[in-house]
C-alpha atoms as a PDB file:
ATOM      1  CA  UNK A   1     105.710  93.390 115.407  1.00  0.00           C
ATOM      2  CA  UNK A   2     104.196  90.307 114.227  1.00  0.00           C
ATOM      3  CA  UNK A   3     103.304  89.837 109.992  1.00  0.00           C
ATOM      4  CA  UNK A   4      99.139  89.247 110.156  1.00  0.00           C
ATOM      5  CA  UNK A   5      99.909  92.998 112.289  1.00  0.00           C
ATOM      6  CA  UNK A   6     102.350  94.263 109.265  1.00  0.00           C
ATOM      7  CA  UNK A   7     100.117  93.114 106.722  1.00  0.00           C
ATOM      8  CA  UNK A   8      97.192  94.614 107.595  1.00  0.00           C
ATOM      9  CA  UNK A   9      98.845  98.494 109.331  1.00  0.00           C
ATOM     10  CA  UNK A  10     100.843  98.786 105.751  1.00  0.00           C
ATOM     11  CA  UNK A  11      97.231  97.726 103.869  1.00  0.00           C
ATOM     12  CA  UNK A  12      98.539  95.600 102.305  1.00  0.00           C
ATOM     13  CA  UNK A  13      95.719  92.764 102.965  1.00  0.00           C
ATOM     14  CA  UNK A  14      92.785  94.555 104.474  1.00  0.00           C
ATOM     15  CA  UNK A  15      92.092  92.302 107.330  1.00  0.00           C
ATOM     16  CA  UNK A  16      93.764  90.529 110.391  1.00  0.00           C
ATOM     17  CA  UNK A  17      91.948  87.859 110.344  1.00  0.00           C
ATOM     18  CA  UNK A  18      91.996  87.220 106.763  1.00  0.00           C
ATOM     19  CA  UNK A  19      96.090  88.542 106.871  1.00  0.00           C
ATOM     20  CA  UNK A  20      96.396  85.290 109.146  1.00  0.00           C
ATOM     21  CA  UNK A  21      94.484  83.242 107.103  1.00  0.00           C
ATOM     22  CA  UNK A  22      96.566  84.047 104.687  1.00  0.00           C
ATOM     23  CA  UNK A  23      99.748  82.558 106.545  1.00  0.00           C
ATOM     24  CA  UNK A  24      97.768  79.284 107.427  1.00  0.00           C
ATOM     25  CA  UNK A  25      97.704  78.962 103.936  1.00  0.00           C
ATOM     26  CA  UNK A  26     100.737  79.032 102.735  1.00  0.00           C
ATOM     27  CA  UNK A  27      99.943  81.632 101.110  1.00  0.00           C
ATOM     28  CA  UNK A  28     102.065  83.669 102.183  1.00  0.00           C
ATOM     29  CA  UNK A  29     106.894  83.793 102.739  1.00  0.00           C
ATOM     30  CA  UNK A  30     109.206  85.788 104.183  1.00  0.00           C
ATOM     31  CA  UNK A  31     112.405  85.469 102.705  1.00  0.00           C
ATOM     32  CA  UNK A  32     111.564  82.571 100.628  1.00  0.00           C
ATOM     33  CA  UNK A  33     110.190  80.467 103.593  1.00  0.00           C
ATOM     34  CA  UNK A  34     106.556  79.893 104.957  1.00  0.00           C
ATOM     35  CA  UNK A  35     106.292  82.076 107.494  1.00  0.00           C
ATOM     36  CA  UNK A  36     104.076  81.659 110.566  1.00  0.00           C
ATOM     37  CA  UNK A  37     101.262  84.485 110.932  1.00  0.00           C
ATOM     38  CA  UNK A  38     103.723  84.559 114.990  1.00  0.00           C
ATOM     39  CA  UNK A  39     106.350  86.190 112.555  1.00  0.00           C
ATOM     40  CA  UNK A  40     108.436  89.514 114.065  1.00  0.00           C
ATOM     41  CA  UNK A  41     108.598  91.714 110.741  1.00  0.00           C
ATOM     42  CA  UNK A  42     112.523  92.886 110.461  1.00  0.00           C
ATOM     43  CA  UNK A  43     113.854  95.843 108.324  1.00  0.00           C
ATOM     44  CA  UNK A  44     114.559  94.667 105.449  1.00  0.00           C
ATOM     45  CA  UNK A  45     112.112  91.373 105.362  1.00  0.00           C
ATOM     46  CA  UNK A  46     111.160  90.392 102.022  1.00  0.00           C
ATOM     47  CA  UNK A  47     107.834  88.955 101.333  1.00  0.00           C
ATOM     48  CA  UNK A  48     106.550  86.985  98.536  1.00  0.00           C
ATOM     49  CA  UNK A  49     102.469  87.406  98.451  1.00  0.00           C
ATOM     50  CA  UNK A  50     100.088  84.912  96.615  1.00  0.00           C
ATOM     51  CA  UNK A  51      96.395  86.067  95.771  1.00  0.00           C
ATOM     52  CA  UNK A  52      95.299  83.067  93.672  1.00  0.00           C
ATOM     53  CA  UNK A  53      97.007  83.109  89.513  1.00  0.00           C
ATOM     54  CA  UNK A  54      98.731  87.186  90.931  1.00  0.00           C
ATOM     55  CA  UNK A  55     101.944  87.286  93.203  1.00  0.00           C
ATOM     56  CA  UNK A  56     103.542  90.578  95.083  1.00  0.00           C
ATOM     57  CA  UNK A  57     106.731  90.894  96.490  1.00  0.00           C
ATOM     58  CA  UNK A  58     107.664  93.083  98.905  1.00  0.00           C
ATOM     59  CA  UNK A  59     110.526  93.999 100.837  1.00  0.00           C
ATOM     60  CA  UNK A  60     109.962  95.915 104.638  1.00  0.00           C
ATOM     61  CA  UNK A  61     110.890  99.306 104.408  1.00  0.00           C
ATOM     62  CA  UNK A  62     109.519 100.851 108.237  1.00  0.00           C
ATOM     63  CA  UNK A  63     108.040  99.502 110.521  1.00  0.00           C
ATOM     64  CA  UNK A  64     105.410 101.585 112.682  1.00  0.00           C
ATOM     65  CA  UNK A  65     102.953 100.895 114.856  1.00  0.00           C
ATOM     66  CA  UNK A  66     100.095 103.500 113.466  1.00  0.00           C
ATOM     67  CA  UNK A  67      99.980 104.861 109.682  1.00  0.00           C
ATOM     68  CA  UNK A  68      97.455 106.786 107.716  1.00  0.00           C
ATOM     69  CA  UNK A  69      96.223 105.372 104.767  1.00  0.00           C
ATOM     70  CA  UNK A  70      98.873 108.186 103.099  1.00  0.00           C
ATOM     71  CA  UNK A  71     101.236 107.042 104.230  1.00  0.00           C
ATOM     72  CA  UNK A  72     101.229 103.196 105.003  1.00  0.00           C
ATOM     73  CA  UNK A  73     102.273 102.653 101.744  1.00  0.00           C
ATOM     74  CA  UNK A  74     105.741 103.626 102.088  1.00  0.00           C
ATOM     75  CA  UNK A  75     106.419 101.095 105.022  1.00  0.00           C
ATOM     76  CA  UNK A  76     107.436  98.946 101.775  1.00  0.00           C
ATOM     77  CA  UNK A  77     108.521  98.686  98.206  1.00  0.00           C
ATOM     78  CA  UNK A  78     107.438  97.230  96.074  1.00  0.00           C
ATOM     79  CA  UNK A  79     109.631  94.502  93.918  1.00  0.00           C
ATOM     80  CA  UNK A  80     106.968  92.844  91.028  1.00  0.00           C
END
């Protein structure tokens, strides 16, 4: 699954276009490297997102095309 779609489906970022822009601006890294929106996310990848002064680190636990609002947080595990 594409990185921008994963960020939207998991509800880490509200809209796919916003996720795409964050990737283009270099605010999203995967396994310590800047990632493009087209990066193919795999289980076990470490994501790091920078929102202004805040940084969120998460590990991809599972990948699913469609999930409900309640199950969205089960797709990743927040590390810090």
